[in-house]
Amino acid sequence: NLTLHRLPEILEGPGLGELIDALIAEDEAKRLAAMDA
C-alpha cells in the first residue's frame, strides 16, 4: 500500500522500486485502455 505516510520509508529503502513499479503498472494499464478505445 503506497501512501504519503510511508514516503520516508519508501525513499530510504527498497520501497522506491515498489513505488516505481506501481507507477509503471498504472501507466501501462492506462496505455492499454487507450489502445482499446
PDB file of N, CA and C in Angstrom:
ATOM      1  N   ASN A   1       0.856  -1.194   0.000  1.00  0.00           N
ATOM      2  CA  ASN A   1       0.000   0.000   0.000  1.00  0.00           C
ATOM      3  C   ASN A   1       0.888   1.238   0.000  1.00  0.00           C
ATOM      4  N   LEU A   2       0.791   2.029  -1.037  1.00  0.00           N
ATOM      5  CA  LEU A   2       1.651   3.204  -1.173  1.00  0.00           C
ATOM      6  C   LEU A   2       0.888   4.454  -0.762  1.00  0.00           C
ATOM      7  N   THR A   3       1.290   5.029   0.367  1.00  0.00           N
ATOM      8  CA  THR A   3       0.650   6.249   0.845  1.00  0.00           C
ATOM      9  C   THR A   3       1.720   7.255   1.220  1.00  0.00           C
ATOM     10  N   LEU A   4       1.317   8.498   1.390  1.00  0.00           N
ATOM     11  CA  LEU A   4       2.269   9.531   1.803  1.00  0.00           C
ATOM     12  C   LEU A   4       2.823   9.251   3.190  1.00  0.00           C
ATOM     13  N   HIS A   5       2.069   8.506   4.010  1.00  0.00           N
ATOM     14  CA  HIS A   5       2.553   8.180   5.351  1.00  0.00           C
ATOM     15  C   HIS A   5       3.795   7.304   5.282  1.00  0.00           C
ATOM     16  N   ARG A   6       3.937   6.565   4.194  1.00  0.00           N
ATOM     17  CA  ARG A   6       5.085   5.674   4.021  1.00  0.00           C
ATOM     18  C   ARG A   6       6.199   6.325   3.217  1.00  0.00           C
ATOM     19  N   LEU A   7       6.037   7.588   2.826  1.00  0.00           N
ATOM     20  CA  LEU A   7       7.008   8.223   1.937  1.00  0.00           C
ATOM     21  C   LEU A   7       8.446   8.156   2.462  1.00  0.00           C
ATOM     22  N   PRO A   8       8.709   8.507   3.731  1.00  0.00           N
ATOM     23  CA  PRO A   8      10.104   8.410   4.207  1.00  0.00           C
ATOM     24  C   PRO A   8      10.662   6.994   4.090  1.00  0.00           C
ATOM     25  N   GLU A   9       9.853   6.005   4.448  1.00  0.00           N
ATOM     26  CA  GLU A   9      10.272   4.603   4.353  1.00  0.00           C
ATOM     27  C   GLU A   9      10.567   4.231   2.908  1.00  0.00           C
ATOM     28  N   ILE A  10       9.721   4.675   2.003  1.00  0.00           N
ATOM     29  CA  ILE A  10       9.882   4.368   0.582  1.00  0.00           C
ATOM     30  C   ILE A  10      11.168   4.990   0.047  1.00  0.00           C
ATOM     31  N   LEU A  11      11.409   6.245   0.395  1.00  0.00           N
ATOM     32  CA  LEU A  11      12.572   6.943  -0.146  1.00  0.00           C
ATOM     33  C   LEU A  11      13.876   6.432   0.436  1.00  0.00           C
ATOM     34  N   GLU A  12      13.834   5.904   1.673  1.00  0.00           N
ATOM     35  CA  GLU A  12      15.064   5.473   2.329  1.00  0.00           C
ATOM     36  C   GLU A  12      15.433   4.033   2.018  1.00  0.00           C
ATOM     37  N   GLY A  13      14.496   3.256   1.525  1.00  0.00           N
ATOM     38  CA  GLY A  13      14.781   1.835   1.365  1.00  0.00           C
ATOM     39  C   GLY A  13      14.389   1.286   0.018  1.00  0.00           C
ATOM     40  N   PRO A  14      14.228  -0.028  -0.021  1.00  0.00           N
ATOM     41  CA  PRO A  14      13.882  -0.694  -1.276  1.00  0.00           C
ATOM     42  C   PRO A  14      12.474  -0.358  -1.747  1.00  0.00           C
ATOM     43  N   GLY A  15      11.726   0.361  -0.926  1.00  0.00           N
ATOM     44  CA  GLY A  15      10.373   0.743  -1.307  1.00  0.00           C
ATOM     45  C   GLY A  15      10.338   1.641  -2.526  1.00  0.00           C
ATOM     46  N   LEU A  16      11.449   2.283  -2.863  1.00  0.00           N
ATOM     47  CA  LEU A  16      11.471   3.152  -4.047  1.00  0.00           C
ATOM     48  C   LEU A  16      11.193   2.333  -5.302  1.00  0.00           C
ATOM     49  N   GLY A  17      11.755   1.151  -5.370  1.00  0.00           N
ATOM     50  CA  GLY A  17      11.475   0.267  -6.500  1.00  0.00           C
ATOM     51  C   GLY A  17      10.011  -0.119  -6.556  1.00  0.00           C
ATOM     52  N   GLU A  18       9.423  -0.334  -5.375  1.00  0.00           N
ATOM     53  CA  GLU A  18       7.996  -0.666  -5.291  1.00  0.00           C
ATOM     54  C   GLU A  18       7.158   0.483  -5.839  1.00  0.00           C
ATOM     55  N   LEU A  19       7.531   1.709  -5.486  1.00  0.00           N
ATOM     56  CA  LEU A  19       6.806   2.889  -5.962  1.00  0.00           C
ATOM     57  C   LEU A  19       6.912   2.996  -7.485  1.00  0.00           C
ATOM     58  N   ILE A  20       8.116   2.817  -8.003  1.00  0.00           N
ATOM     59  CA  ILE A  20       8.325   2.911  -9.448  1.00  0.00           C
ATOM     60  C   ILE A  20       7.543   1.822 -10.174  1.00  0.00           C
ATOM     61  N   ASP A  21       7.569   0.601  -9.625  1.00  0.00           N
ATOM     62  CA  ASP A  21       6.814  -0.496 -10.243  1.00  0.00           C
ATOM     63  C   ASP A  21       5.330  -0.178 -10.296  1.00  0.00           C
ATOM     64  N   ALA A  22       4.800   0.413  -9.222  1.00  0.00           N
ATOM     65  CA  ALA A  22       3.380   0.759  -9.183  1.00  0.00           C
ATOM     66  C   ALA A  22       3.057   1.825 -10.230  1.00  0.00           C
ATOM     67  N   LEU A  23       3.935   2.809 -10.370  1.00  0.00           N
ATOM     68  CA  LEU A  23       3.707   3.867 -11.358  1.00  0.00           C
ATOM     69  C   LEU A  23       3.769   3.314 -12.780  1.00  0.00           C
ATOM     70  N   ILE A  24       4.717   2.418 -13.024  1.00  0.00           N
ATOM     71  CA  ILE A  24       4.838   1.810 -14.353  1.00  0.00           C
ATOM     72  C   ILE A  24       3.598   0.984 -14.664  1.00  0.00           C
ATOM     73  N   ALA A  25       3.138   0.200 -13.691  1.00  0.00           N
ATOM     74  CA  ALA A  25       1.960  -0.637 -13.909  1.00  0.00           C
ATOM     75  C   ALA A  25       0.736   0.219 -14.212  1.00  0.00           C
ATOM     76  N   GLU A  26       0.595   1.322 -13.476  1.00  0.00           N
ATOM     77  CA  GLU A  26      -0.549   2.212 -13.713  1.00  0.00           C
ATOM     78  C   GLU A  26      -0.464   2.828 -15.109  1.00  0.00           C
ATOM     79  N   ASP A  27       0.731   3.254 -15.497  1.00  0.00           N
ATOM     80  CA  ASP A  27       0.919   3.863 -16.810  1.00  0.00           C
ATOM     81  C   ASP A  27       0.614   2.860 -17.922  1.00  0.00           C
ATOM     82  N   GLU A  28       1.104   1.630 -17.771  1.00  0.00           N
ATOM     83  CA  GLU A  28       0.858   0.614 -18.790  1.00  0.00           C
ATOM     84  C   GLU A  28      -0.630   0.309 -18.903  1.00  0.00           C
ATOM     85  N   ALA A  29      -1.323   0.251 -17.766  1.00  0.00           N
ATOM     86  CA  ALA A  29      -2.758  -0.023 -17.788  1.00  0.00           C
ATOM     87  C   ALA A  29      -3.504   1.080 -18.539  1.00  0.00           C
ATOM     88  N   LYS A  30      -3.114   2.321 -18.303  1.00  0.00           N
ATOM     89  CA  LYS A  30      -3.758   3.444 -18.994  1.00  0.00           C
ATOM     90  C   LYS A  30      -3.485   3.395 -20.496  1.00  0.00           C
ATOM     91  N   ARG A  31      -2.260   3.042 -20.866  1.00  0.00           N
ATOM     92  CA  ARG A  31      -1.915   2.958 -22.290  1.00  0.00           C
ATOM     93  C   ARG A  31      -2.704   1.847 -22.981  1.00  0.00           C
ATOM     94  N   LEU A  32      -2.827   0.695 -22.307  1.00  0.00           N
ATOM     95  CA  LEU A  32      -3.584  -0.416 -22.888  1.00  0.00           C
ATOM     96  C   LEU A  32      -5.051  -0.046 -23.032  1.00  0.00           C
ATOM     97  N   ALA A  33      -5.599   0.635 -22.036  1.00  0.00           N
ATOM     98  CA  ALA A  33      -7.000   1.050 -22.094  1.00  0.00           C
ATOM     99  C   ALA A  33      -7.208   2.031 -23.246  1.00  0.00           C
ATOM    100  N   ALA A  34      -6.238   2.907 -23.470  1.00  0.00           N
ATOM    101  CA  ALA A  34      -6.349   3.886 -24.548  1.00  0.00           C
ATOM    102  C   ALA A  34      -6.286   3.196 -25.915  1.00  0.00           C
ATOM    103  N   MET A  35      -5.516   2.121 -26.019  1.00  0.00           N
ATOM    104  CA  MET A  35      -5.414   1.401 -27.285  1.00  0.00           C
ATOM    105  C   MET A  35      -6.728   0.699 -27.626  1.00  0.00           C
ATOM    106  N   ASP A  36      -7.446   0.243 -26.606  1.00  0.00           N
ATOM    107  CA  ASP A  36      -8.715  -0.457 -26.820  1.00  0.00           C
ATOM    108  C   ASP A  36      -9.835   0.494 -27.202  1.00  0.00           C
ATOM    109  N   ALA A  37      -9.663   1.766 -26.880  1.00  0.00           N
ATOM    110  CA  ALA A  37     -10.748   2.738 -27.104  1.00  0.00           C
ATOM    111  C   ALA A  37     -10.927   3.034 -28.586  1.00  0.00           C
TER     112      ALA A  37
END
